[in-house]
Amino acid sequence: MSWVFLAAAIAFEVAATMALRASEGLRRKAWAPVFVGGYVTCFVFLSLALRAGMAVGVAYGVWAAAGIALTAIIARFAFNDPLTKVMMLGIGLIAGGVLLVELGATSAH
């Protein structure tokens, strides 16, 4: 269940970040409830993942890495932000690092 909570936390964090981008630096105030609510909700789900037994290092690593990767990919299509080969390599390295953290946490048990 902790992974479901973490996935929800990631989804709400990415949605909030996309809403923040859509607000054009808070010039479009209509997006404010979306990003404020999204960030609050993402932390609620993150805390539920931790309460369900997920290690904080794993939860935070996966949450941060997935947030970075998904935000970059979605922003490429939603806002035409750059997504270069170097950026994609960085996303791959982040994914590899998170995998190593997860494997390390699993082998510690």
PDB file of N, CA and C in Angstrom:
ATOM      1  N   MET A   1       0.824  -1.205   0.000  1.00  0.00           N
ATOM      2  CA  MET A   1       0.000   0.000   0.000  1.00  0.00           C
ATOM      3  C   MET A   1       0.860   1.257   0.000  1.00  0.00           C
ATOM      4  N   SER A   2       2.065   1.151   0.575  1.00  0.00           N
ATOM      5  CA  SER A   2       2.934   2.324   0.640  1.00  0.00           C
ATOM      6  C   SER A   2       3.293   2.825  -0.758  1.00  0.00           C
ATOM      7  N   TRP A   3       3.438   1.901  -1.724  1.00  0.00           N
ATOM      8  CA  TRP A   3       3.769   2.314  -3.087  1.00  0.00           C
ATOM      9  C   TRP A   3       2.600   3.037  -3.750  1.00  0.00           C
ATOM     10  N   VAL A   4       1.383   2.661  -3.411  1.00  0.00           N
ATOM     11  CA  VAL A   4       0.202   3.354  -3.942  1.00  0.00           C
ATOM     12  C   VAL A   4       0.168   4.779  -3.409  1.00  0.00           C
ATOM     13  N   PHE A   5       0.418   4.931  -2.115  1.00  0.00           N
ATOM     14  CA  PHE A   5       0.463   6.272  -1.521  1.00  0.00           C
ATOM     15  C   PHE A   5       1.574   7.107  -2.157  1.00  0.00           C
ATOM     16  N   LEU A   6       2.731   6.483  -2.377  1.00  0.00           N
ATOM     17  CA  LEU A   6       3.839   7.221  -2.974  1.00  0.00           C
ATOM     18  C   LEU A   6       3.505   7.636  -4.405  1.00  0.00           C
ATOM     19  N   ALA A   7       2.871   6.753  -5.167  1.00  0.00           N
ATOM     20  CA  ALA A   7       2.472   7.100  -6.536  1.00  0.00           C
ATOM     21  C   ALA A   7       1.500   8.276  -6.538  1.00  0.00           C
ATOM     22  N   ALA A   8       0.572   8.292  -5.593  1.00  0.00           N
ATOM     23  CA  ALA A   8      -0.369   9.413  -5.487  1.00  0.00           C
ATOM     24  C   ALA A   8       0.371  10.697  -5.125  1.00  0.00           C
ATOM     25  N   ALA A   9       1.337  10.605  -4.211  1.00  0.00           N
ATOM     26  CA  ALA A   9       2.129  11.775  -3.837  1.00  0.00           C
ATOM     27  C   ALA A   9       2.858  12.339  -5.049  1.00  0.00           C
ATOM     28  N   ILE A  10       3.433  11.469  -5.841  1.00  0.00           N
ATOM     29  CA  ILE A  10       4.156  11.896  -7.043  1.00  0.00           C
ATOM     30  C   ILE A  10       3.199  12.554  -8.034  1.00  0.00           C
ATOM     31  N   ALA A  11       2.047  11.938  -8.251  1.00  0.00           N
ATOM     32  CA  ALA A  11       1.072  12.482  -9.202  1.00  0.00           C
ATOM     33  C   ALA A  11       0.608  13.875  -8.787  1.00  0.00           C
ATOM     34  N   PHE A  12       0.307  14.056  -7.507  1.00  0.00           N
ATOM     35  CA  PHE A  12      -0.153  15.369  -7.045  1.00  0.00           C
ATOM     36  C   PHE A  12       0.967  16.403  -7.090  1.00  0.00           C
ATOM     37  N   GLU A  13       2.191  15.988  -6.797  1.00  0.00           N
ATOM     38  CA  GLU A  13       3.315  16.929  -6.845  1.00  0.00           C
ATOM     39  C   GLU A  13       3.568  17.389  -8.274  1.00  0.00           C
ATOM     40  N   VAL A  14       3.539  16.472  -9.216  1.00  0.00           N
ATOM     41  CA  VAL A  14       3.758  16.831 -10.614  1.00  0.00           C
ATOM     42  C   VAL A  14       2.611  17.711 -11.124  1.00  0.00           C
ATOM     43  N   ALA A  15       1.379  17.375 -10.779  1.00  0.00           N
ATOM     44  CA  ALA A  15       0.239  18.199 -11.183  1.00  0.00           C
ATOM     45  C   ALA A  15       0.353  19.608 -10.610  1.00  0.00           C
ATOM     46  N   ALA A  16       0.767  19.717  -9.354  1.00  0.00           N
ATOM     47  CA  ALA A  16       0.930  21.032  -8.733  1.00  0.00           C
ATOM     48  C   ALA A  16       2.030  21.826  -9.419  1.00  0.00           C
ATOM     49  N   THR A  17       3.116  21.163  -9.764  1.00  0.00           N
ATOM     50  CA  THR A  17       4.214  21.846 -10.441  1.00  0.00           C
ATOM     51  C   THR A  17       3.798  22.311 -11.829  1.00  0.00           C
ATOM     52  N   MET A  18       3.033  21.491 -12.529  1.00  0.00           N
ATOM     53  CA  MET A  18       2.540  21.901 -13.847  1.00  0.00           C
ATOM     54  C   MET A  18       1.575  23.082 -13.723  1.00  0.00           C
ATOM     55  N   ALA A  19       0.758  23.087 -12.671  1.00  0.00           N
ATOM     56  CA  ALA A  19      -0.150  24.215 -12.445  1.00  0.00           C
ATOM     57  C   ALA A  19       0.629  25.478 -12.111  1.00  0.00           C
ATOM     58  N   LEU A  20       1.709  25.323 -11.360  1.00  0.00           N
ATOM     59  CA  LEU A  20       2.551  26.480 -11.042  1.00  0.00           C
ATOM     60  C   LEU A  20       3.153  27.051 -12.323  1.00  0.00           C
ATOM     61  N   ARG A  21       3.589  26.180 -13.209  1.00  0.00           N
ATOM     62  CA  ARG A  21       4.136  26.615 -14.506  1.00  0.00           C
ATOM     63  C   ARG A  21       3.050  27.287 -15.334  1.00  0.00           C
ATOM     64  N   ALA A  22       1.855  26.716 -15.324  1.00  0.00           N
ATOM     65  CA  ALA A  22       0.740  27.284 -16.090  1.00  0.00           C
ATOM     66  C   ALA A  22       0.305  28.642 -15.552  1.00  0.00           C
ATOM     67  N   SER A  23       0.592  28.908 -14.287  1.00  0.00           N
ATOM     68  CA  SER A  23       0.201  30.194 -13.696  1.00  0.00           C
ATOM     69  C   SER A  23       1.063  31.353 -14.178  1.00  0.00           C
ATOM     70  N   GLU A  24       2.114  31.026 -14.928  1.00  0.00           N
ATOM     71  CA  GLU A  24       3.007  32.054 -15.476  1.00  0.00           C
ATOM     72  C   GLU A  24       3.553  32.961 -14.377  1.00  0.00           C
ATOM     73  N   GLY A  25       4.188  32.327 -13.398  1.00  0.00           N
ATOM     74  CA  GLY A  25       4.781  33.104 -12.304  1.00  0.00           C
ATOM     75  C   GLY A  25       3.756  33.777 -11.420  1.00  0.00           C
ATOM     76  N   LEU A  26       2.641  33.108 -11.215  1.00  0.00           N
ATOM     77  CA  LEU A  26       1.515  33.574 -10.386  1.00  0.00           C
ATOM     78  C   LEU A  26       0.753  34.745 -11.011  1.00  0.00           C
ATOM     79  N   ARG A  27       0.987  35.008 -12.289  1.00  0.00           N
ATOM     80  CA  ARG A  27       0.212  36.058 -12.956  1.00  0.00           C
ATOM     81  C   ARG A  27      -1.205  35.586 -13.243  1.00  0.00           C
ATOM     82  N   ARG A  28      -1.386  34.303 -13.416  1.00  0.00           N
ATOM     83  CA  ARG A  28      -2.721  33.734 -13.656  1.00  0.00           C
ATOM     84  C   ARG A  28      -3.177  33.091 -12.346  1.00  0.00           C
ATOM     85  N   LYS A  29      -3.826  33.871 -11.537  1.00  0.00           N
ATOM     86  CA  LYS A  29      -4.192  33.478 -10.167  1.00  0.00           C
ATOM     87  C   LYS A  29      -5.167  32.304 -10.102  1.00  0.00           C
ATOM     88  N   ALA A  30      -5.868  32.018 -11.177  1.00  0.00           N
ATOM     89  CA  ALA A  30      -6.843  30.923 -11.166  1.00  0.00           C
ATOM     90  C   ALA A  30      -6.171  29.579 -10.897  1.00  0.00           C
ATOM     91  N   TRP A  31      -4.869  29.468 -11.169  1.00  0.00           N
ATOM     92  CA  TRP A  31      -4.145  28.216 -10.944  1.00  0.00           C
ATOM     93  C   TRP A  31      -3.734  28.033  -9.483  1.00  0.00           C
ATOM     94  N   ALA A  32      -3.821  29.066  -8.674  1.00  0.00           N
ATOM     95  CA  ALA A  32      -3.354  29.002  -7.280  1.00  0.00           C
ATOM     96  C   ALA A  32      -3.979  27.855  -6.484  1.00  0.00           C
ATOM     97  N   PRO A  33      -5.290  27.666  -6.520  1.00  0.00           N
ATOM     98  CA  PRO A  33      -5.857  26.549  -5.743  1.00  0.00           C
ATOM     99  C   PRO A  33      -5.345  25.187  -6.205  1.00  0.00           C
ATOM    100  N   VAL A  34      -5.046  25.060  -7.490  1.00  0.00           N
ATOM    101  CA  VAL A  34      -4.580  23.777  -8.009  1.00  0.00           C
ATOM    102  C   VAL A  34      -3.192  23.465  -7.470  1.00  0.00           C
ATOM    103  N   PHE A  35      -2.264  24.443  -7.536  1.00  0.00           N
ATOM    104  CA  PHE A  35      -0.931  24.099  -7.074  1.00  0.00           C
ATOM    105  C   PHE A  35      -0.821  24.078  -5.562  1.00  0.00           C
ATOM    106  N   VAL A  36      -1.536  24.924  -4.864  1.00  0.00           N
ATOM    107  CA  VAL A  36      -1.506  24.865  -3.397  1.00  0.00           C
ATOM    108  C   VAL A  36      -2.120  23.551  -2.918  1.00  0.00           C
ATOM    109  N   GLY A  37      -3.291  23.214  -3.430  1.00  0.00           N
ATOM    110  CA  GLY A  37      -3.938  21.959  -3.051  1.00  0.00           C
ATOM    111  C   GLY A  37      -3.127  20.746  -3.455  1.00  0.00           C
ATOM    112  N   GLY A  38      -2.498  20.815  -4.613  1.00  0.00           N
ATOM    113  CA  GLY A  38      -1.677  19.704  -5.080  1.00  0.00           C
ATOM    114  C   GLY A  38      -0.481  19.454  -4.185  1.00  0.00           C
ATOM    115  N   TYR A  39       0.198  20.529  -3.782  1.00  0.00           N
ATOM    116  CA  TYR A  39       1.358  20.354  -2.903  1.00  0.00           C
ATOM    117  C   TYR A  39       0.951  19.843  -1.523  1.00  0.00           C
ATOM    118  N   VAL A  40      -0.127  20.381  -0.974  1.00  0.00           N
ATOM    119  CA  VAL A  40      -0.605  19.908   0.331  1.00  0.00           C
ATOM    120  C   VAL A  40      -0.977  18.431   0.241  1.00  0.00           C
ATOM    121  N   THR A  41      -1.713  18.058  -0.786  1.00  0.00           N
ATOM    122  CA  THR A  41      -2.144  16.674  -0.953  1.00  0.00           C
ATOM    123  C   THR A  41      -0.960  15.737  -1.166  1.00  0.00           C
ATOM    124  N   CYS A  42       0.043  16.207  -1.902  1.00  0.00           N
ATOM    125  CA  CYS A  42       1.191  15.328  -2.142  1.00  0.00           C
ATOM    126  C   CYS A  42       1.917  15.032  -0.836  1.00  0.00           C
ATOM    127  N   PHE A  43       2.022  16.008   0.054  1.00  0.00           N
ATOM    128  CA  PHE A  43       2.679  15.743   1.330  1.00  0.00           C
ATOM    129  C   PHE A  43       1.843  14.846   2.234  1.00  0.00           C
ATOM    130  N   VAL A  44       0.532  14.941   2.127  1.00  0.00           N
ATOM    131  CA  VAL A  44      -0.329  14.021   2.882  1.00  0.00           C
ATOM    132  C   VAL A  44      -0.073  12.590   2.419  1.00  0.00           C
ATOM    133  N   PHE A  45      -0.048  12.374   1.107  1.00  0.00           N
ATOM    134  CA  PHE A  45       0.194  11.019   0.596  1.00  0.00           C
ATOM    135  C   PHE A  45       1.611  10.543   0.891  1.00  0.00           C
ATOM    136  N   LEU A  46       2.580  11.447   0.859  1.00  0.00           N
ATOM    137  CA  LEU A  46       3.946  11.066   1.214  1.00  0.00           C
ATOM    138  C   LEU A  46       4.008  10.610   2.671  1.00  0.00           C
ATOM    139  N   SER A  47       3.323  11.319   3.544  1.00  0.00           N
ATOM    140  CA  SER A  47       3.311  10.922   4.955  1.00  0.00           C
ATOM    141  C   SER A  47       2.604   9.579   5.142  1.00  0.00           C
ATOM    142  N   LEU A  48       1.567   9.321   4.339  1.00  0.00           N
ATOM    143  CA  LEU A  48       0.883   8.028   4.417  1.00  0.00           C
ATOM    144  C   LEU A  48       1.800   6.896   3.946  1.00  0.00           C
ATOM    145  N   ALA A  49       2.614   7.156   2.927  1.00  0.00           N
ATOM    146  CA  ALA A  49       3.573   6.145   2.466  1.00  0.00           C
ATOM    147  C   ALA A  49       4.577   5.826   3.567  1.00  0.00           C
ATOM    148  N   LEU A  50       5.032   6.856   4.260  1.00  0.00           N
ATOM    149  CA  LEU A  50       5.973   6.639   5.359  1.00  0.00           C
ATOM    150  C   LEU A  50       5.303   5.895   6.511  1.00  0.00           C
ATOM    151  N   ARG A  51       4.079   6.267   6.818  1.00  0.00           N
ATOM    152  CA  ARG A  51       3.337   5.598   7.892  1.00  0.00           C
ATOM    153  C   ARG A  51       3.100   4.126   7.562  1.00  0.00           C
ATOM    154  N   ALA A  52       2.950   3.822   6.272  1.00  0.00           N
ATOM    155  CA  ALA A  52       2.713   2.438   5.842  1.00  0.00           C
ATOM    156  C   ALA A  52       3.995   1.607   5.849  1.00  0.00           C
ATOM    157  N   GLY A  53       5.107   2.220   6.228  1.00  0.00           N
ATOM    158  CA  GLY A  53       6.331   1.455   6.410  1.00  0.00           C
ATOM    159  C   GLY A  53       7.436   1.682   5.398  1.00  0.00           C
ATOM    160  N   MET A  54       7.240   2.550   4.445  1.00  0.00           N
ATOM    161  CA  MET A  54       8.293   2.795   3.467  1.00  0.00           C
ATOM    162  C   MET A  54       9.423   3.579   4.132  1.00  0.00           C
ATOM    163  N   ALA A  55      10.659   3.200   3.832  1.00  0.00           N
ATOM    164  CA  ALA A  55      11.823   3.907   4.366  1.00  0.00           C
ATOM    165  C   ALA A  55      11.868   5.317   3.789  1.00  0.00           C
ATOM    166  N   VAL A  56      12.225   6.280   4.607  1.00  0.00           N
ATOM    167  CA  VAL A  56      12.214   7.670   4.173  1.00  0.00           C
ATOM    168  C   VAL A  56      13.201   7.910   3.032  1.00  0.00           C
ATOM    169  N   GLY A  57      14.343   7.245   3.044  1.00  0.00           N
ATOM    170  CA  GLY A  57      15.310   7.420   1.967  1.00  0.00           C
ATOM    171  C   GLY A  57      14.784   6.937   0.638  1.00  0.00           C
ATOM    172  N   VAL A  58      14.089   5.824   0.663  1.00  0.00           N
ATOM    173  CA  VAL A  58      13.489   5.274  -0.555  1.00  0.00           C
ATOM    174  C   VAL A  58      12.344   6.180  -1.008  1.00  0.00           C
ATOM    175  N   ALA A  59      11.458   6.528  -0.088  1.00  0.00           N
ATOM    176  CA  ALA A  59      10.299   7.356  -0.441  1.00  0.00           C
ATOM    177  C   ALA A  59      10.739   8.684  -1.026  1.00  0.00           C
ATOM    178  N   TYR A  60      11.656   9.350  -0.373  1.00  0.00           N
ATOM    179  CA  TYR A  60      12.078  10.660  -0.845  1.00  0.00           C
ATOM    180  C   TYR A  60      12.842  10.542  -2.159  1.00  0.00           C
ATOM    181  N   GLY A  61      13.685   9.520  -2.277  1.00  0.00           N
ATOM    182  CA  GLY A  61      14.439   9.337  -3.516  1.00  0.00           C
ATOM    183  C   GLY A  61      13.541   9.088  -4.709  1.00  0.00           C
ATOM    184  N   VAL A  62      12.601   8.185  -4.558  1.00  0.00           N
ATOM    185  CA  VAL A  62      11.685   7.875  -5.654  1.00  0.00           C
ATOM    186  C   VAL A  62      10.796   9.073  -5.951  1.00  0.00           C
ATOM    187  N   TRP A  63      10.291   9.714  -4.912  1.00  0.00           N
ATOM    188  CA  TRP A  63       9.405  10.876  -5.073  1.00  0.00           C
ATOM    189  C   TRP A  63      10.121  11.995  -5.819  1.00  0.00           C
ATOM    190  N   ALA A  64      11.320  12.329  -5.397  1.00  0.00           N
ATOM    191  CA  ALA A  64      12.061  13.412  -6.028  1.00  0.00           C
ATOM    192  C   ALA A  64      12.448  13.057  -7.459  1.00  0.00           C
ATOM    193  N   ALA A  65      12.968  11.859  -7.649  1.00  0.00           N
ATOM    194  CA  ALA A  65      13.416  11.459  -8.987  1.00  0.00           C
ATOM    195  C   ALA A  65      12.258  11.370  -9.970  1.00  0.00           C
ATOM    196  N   ALA A  66      11.186  10.737  -9.548  1.00  0.00           N
ATOM    197  CA  ALA A  66      10.030  10.619 -10.437  1.00  0.00           C
ATOM    198  C   ALA A  66       9.443  11.993 -10.732  1.00  0.00           C
ATOM    199  N   GLY A  67       9.422  12.853  -9.719  1.00  0.00           N
ATOM    200  CA  GLY A  67       8.919  14.213  -9.923  1.00  0.00           C
ATOM    201  C   GLY A  67       9.735  14.976 -10.947  1.00  0.00           C
ATOM    202  N   ILE A  68      11.059  14.880 -10.842  1.00  0.00           N
ATOM    203  CA  ILE A  68      11.933  15.561 -11.796  1.00  0.00           C
ATOM    204  C   ILE A  68      11.709  15.021 -13.209  1.00  0.00           C
ATOM    205  N   ALA A  69      11.725  13.705 -13.342  1.00  0.00           N
ATOM    206  CA  ALA A  69      11.595  13.092 -14.658  1.00  0.00           C
ATOM    207  C   ALA A  69      10.235  13.393 -15.285  1.00  0.00           C
ATOM    208  N   LEU A  70       9.178  13.163 -14.545  1.00  0.00           N
ATOM    209  CA  LEU A  70       7.834  13.391 -15.093  1.00  0.00           C
ATOM    210  C   LEU A  70       7.593  14.861 -15.410  1.00  0.00           C
ATOM    211  N   THR A  71       8.079  15.748 -14.546  1.00  0.00           N
ATOM    212  CA  THR A  71       7.910  17.180 -14.788  1.00  0.00           C
ATOM    213  C   THR A  71       8.609  17.594 -16.077  1.00  0.00           C
ATOM    214  N   ALA A  72       9.826  17.119 -16.274  1.00  0.00           N
ATOM    215  CA  ALA A  72      10.565  17.474 -17.489  1.00  0.00           C
ATOM    216  C   ALA A  72       9.863  16.936 -18.731  1.00  0.00           C
ATOM    217  N   ILE A  73       9.391  15.703 -18.668  1.00  0.00           N
ATOM    218  CA  ILE A  73       8.740  15.091 -19.831  1.00  0.00           C
ATOM    219  C   ILE A  73       7.397  15.759 -20.130  1.00  0.00           C
ATOM    220  N   ILE A  74       6.585  15.963 -19.106  1.00  0.00           N
ATOM    221  CA  ILE A  74       5.280  16.593 -19.316  1.00  0.00           C
ATOM    222  C   ILE A  74       5.442  18.033 -19.787  1.00  0.00           C
ATOM    223  N   ALA A  75       6.389  18.762 -19.201  1.00  0.00           N
ATOM    224  CA  ALA A  75       6.606  20.161 -19.590  1.00  0.00           C
ATOM    225  C   ALA A  75       7.058  20.262 -21.046  1.00  0.00           C
ATOM    226  N   ARG A  76       7.748  19.246 -21.523  1.00  0.00           N
ATOM    227  CA  ARG A  76       8.165  19.236 -22.935  1.00  0.00           C
ATOM    228  C   ARG A  76       6.945  19.266 -23.842  1.00  0.00           C
ATOM    229  N   PHE A  77       5.947  18.477 -23.503  1.00  0.00           N
ATOM    230  CA  PHE A  77       4.764  18.390 -24.356  1.00  0.00           C
ATOM    231  C   PHE A  77       3.733  19.466 -24.036  1.00  0.00           C
ATOM    232  N   ALA A  78       3.581  19.821 -22.772  1.00  0.00           N
ATOM    233  CA  ALA A  78       2.560  20.795 -22.389  1.00  0.00           C
ATOM    234  C   ALA A  78       2.986  22.236 -22.654  1.00  0.00           C
ATOM    235  N   PHE A  79       4.291  22.531 -22.468  1.00  0.00           N
ATOM    236  CA  PHE A  79       4.760  23.916 -22.569  1.00  0.00           C
ATOM    237  C   PHE A  79       5.884  24.098 -23.583  1.00  0.00           C
ATOM    238  N   ASN A  80       6.211  23.030 -24.295  1.00  0.00           N
ATOM    239  CA  ASN A  80       7.302  23.067 -25.263  1.00  0.00           C
ATOM    240  C   ASN A  80       8.638  23.430 -24.621  1.00  0.00           C
ATOM    241  N   ASP A  81       8.820  23.047 -23.357  1.00  0.00           N
ATOM    242  CA  ASP A  81      10.096  23.248 -22.676  1.00  0.00           C
ATOM    243  C   ASP A  81      11.141  22.332 -23.300  1.00  0.00           C
ATOM    244  N   PRO A  82      12.410  22.689 -23.190  1.00  0.00           N
ATOM    245  CA  PRO A  82      13.441  21.830 -23.778  1.00  0.00           C
ATOM    246  C   PRO A  82      13.559  20.492 -23.047  1.00  0.00           C
ATOM    247  N   LEU A  83      13.889  19.464 -23.809  1.00  0.00           N
ATOM    248  CA  LEU A  83      14.204  18.149 -23.259  1.00  0.00           C
ATOM    249  C   LEU A  83      15.298  17.571 -24.159  1.00  0.00           C
ATOM    250  N   THR A  84      16.528  17.922 -23.827  1.00  0.00           N
ATOM    251  CA  THR A  84      17.667  17.566 -24.661  1.00  0.00           C
ATOM    252  C   THR A  84      18.155  16.151 -24.349  1.00  0.00           C
ATOM    253  N   LYS A  85      19.060  15.685 -25.175  1.00  0.00           N
ATOM    254  CA  LYS A  85      19.645  14.364 -24.935  1.00  0.00           C
ATOM    255  C   LYS A  85      20.399  14.344 -23.610  1.00  0.00           C
ATOM    256  N   VAL A  86      21.067  15.429 -23.288  1.00  0.00           N
ATOM    257  CA  VAL A  86      21.784  15.506 -22.013  1.00  0.00           C
ATOM    258  C   VAL A  86      20.799  15.443 -20.846  1.00  0.00           C
ATOM    259  N   MET A  87      19.670  16.126 -20.972  1.00  0.00           N
ATOM    260  CA  MET A  87      18.648  16.079 -19.925  1.00  0.00           C
ATOM    261  C   MET A  87      18.086  14.667 -19.784  1.00  0.00           C
ATOM    262  N   MET A  88      17.865  13.999 -20.914  1.00  0.00           N
ATOM    263  CA  MET A  88      17.355  12.628 -20.856  1.00  0.00           C
ATOM    264  C   MET A  88      18.384  11.688 -20.223  1.00  0.00           C
ATOM    265  N   LEU A  89      19.657  11.913 -20.497  1.00  0.00           N
ATOM    266  CA  LEU A  89      20.705  11.134 -19.846  1.00  0.00           C
ATOM    267  C   LEU A  89      20.657  11.362 -18.332  1.00  0.00           C
ATOM    268  N   GLY A  90      20.476  12.612 -17.929  1.00  0.00           N
ATOM    269  CA  GLY A  90      20.355  12.920 -16.505  1.00  0.00           C
ATOM    270  C   GLY A  90      19.180  12.215 -15.866  1.00  0.00           C
ATOM    271  N   ILE A  91      18.059  12.174 -16.560  1.00  0.00           N
ATOM    272  CA  ILE A  91      16.882  11.458 -16.051  1.00  0.00           C
ATOM    273  C   ILE A  91      17.204   9.975 -15.890  1.00  0.00           C
ATOM    274  N   GLY A  92      17.915   9.423 -16.848  1.00  0.00           N
ATOM    275  CA  GLY A  92      18.323   8.015 -16.749  1.00  0.00           C
ATOM    276  C   GLY A  92      19.252   7.774 -15.574  1.00  0.00           C
ATOM    277  N   LEU A  93      20.182   8.689 -15.344  1.00  0.00           N
ATOM    278  CA  LEU A  93      21.091   8.555 -14.201  1.00  0.00           C
ATOM    279  C   LEU A  93      20.343   8.662 -12.877  1.00  0.00           C
ATOM    280  N   ILE A  94      19.369   9.557 -12.824  1.00  0.00           N
ATOM    281  CA  ILE A  94      18.539   9.682 -11.618  1.00  0.00           C
ATOM    282  C   ILE A  94      17.800   8.370 -11.364  1.00  0.00           C
ATOM    283  N   ALA A  95      17.211   7.812 -12.415  1.00  0.00           N
ATOM    284  CA  ALA A  95      16.479   6.549 -12.274  1.00  0.00           C
ATOM    285  C   ALA A  95      17.409   5.447 -11.779  1.00  0.00           C
ATOM    286  N   GLY A  96      18.616   5.401 -12.322  1.00  0.00           N
ATOM    287  CA  GLY A  96      19.590   4.404 -11.870  1.00  0.00           C
ATOM    288  C   GLY A  96      19.962   4.587 -10.409  1.00  0.00           C
ATOM    289  N   GLY A  97      20.148   5.822  -9.991  1.00  0.00           N
ATOM    290  CA  GLY A  97      20.467   6.096  -8.594  1.00  0.00           C
ATOM    291  C   GLY A  97      19.347   5.693  -7.662  1.00  0.00           C
ATOM    292  N   VAL A  98      18.124   5.973  -8.042  1.00  0.00           N
ATOM    293  CA  VAL A  98      16.980   5.575  -7.221  1.00  0.00           C
ATOM    294  C   VAL A  98      16.886   4.062  -7.146  1.00  0.00           C
ATOM    295  N   LEU A  99      17.139   3.384  -8.250  1.00  0.00           N
ATOM    296  CA  LEU A  99      17.122   1.927  -8.247  1.00  0.00           C
ATOM    297  C   LEU A  99      18.166   1.380  -7.271  1.00  0.00           C
ATOM    298  N   LEU A 100      19.347   1.973  -7.264  1.00  0.00           N
ATOM    299  CA  LEU A 100      20.384   1.530  -6.328  1.00  0.00           C
ATOM    300  C   LEU A 100      19.978   1.768  -4.879  1.00  0.00           C
ATOM    301  N   VAL A 101      19.337   2.896  -4.599  1.00  0.00           N
ATOM    302  CA  VAL A 101      18.859   3.169  -3.236  1.00  0.00           C
ATOM    303  C   VAL A 101      17.822   2.127  -2.836  1.00  0.00           C
ATOM    304  N   GLU A 102      16.896   1.814  -3.731  1.00  0.00           N
ATOM    305  CA  GLU A 102      15.856   0.817  -3.447  1.00  0.00           C
ATOM    306  C   GLU A 102      16.483  -0.562  -3.228  1.00  0.00           C
ATOM    307  N   LEU A 103      17.417  -0.943  -4.088  1.00  0.00           N
ATOM    308  CA  LEU A 103      18.069  -2.233  -3.934  1.00  0.00           C
ATOM    309  C   LEU A 103      18.852  -2.295  -2.627  1.00  0.00           C
ATOM    310  N   GLY A 104      19.497  -1.201  -2.272  1.00  0.00           N
ATOM    311  CA  GLY A 104      20.226  -1.148  -1.006  1.00  0.00           C
ATOM    312  C   GLY A 104      19.304  -1.274   0.192  1.00  0.00           C
ATOM    313  N   ALA A 105      18.147  -0.628   0.121  1.00  0.00           N
ATOM    314  CA  ALA A 105      17.190  -0.710   1.225  1.00  0.00           C
ATOM    315  C   ALA A 105      16.613  -2.116   1.331  1.00  0.00           C
ATOM    316  N   THR A 106      16.384  -2.763   0.191  1.00  0.00           N
ATOM    317  CA  THR A 106      15.824  -4.114   0.184  1.00  0.00           C
ATOM    318  C   THR A 106      16.829  -5.108   0.726  1.00  0.00           C
ATOM    319  N   SER A 107      18.099  -4.966   0.364  1.00  0.00           N
ATOM    320  CA  SER A 107      19.102  -5.914   0.819  1.00  0.00           C
ATOM    321  C   SER A 107      19.456  -5.721   2.297  1.00  0.00           C
ATOM    322  N   ALA A 108      19.089  -4.576   2.859  1.00  0.00           N
ATOM    323  CA  ALA A 108      19.370  -4.331   4.274  1.00  0.00           C
ATOM    324  C   ALA A 108      18.442  -5.125   5.180  1.00  0.00           C
ATOM    325  N   HIS A 109      17.345  -5.611   4.629  1.00  0.00           N
ATOM    326  CA  HIS A 109      16.381  -6.370   5.452  1.00  0.00           C
ATOM    327  C   HIS A 109      16.712  -7.787   5.438  1.00  0.00           C
TER     328      HIS A 109
END
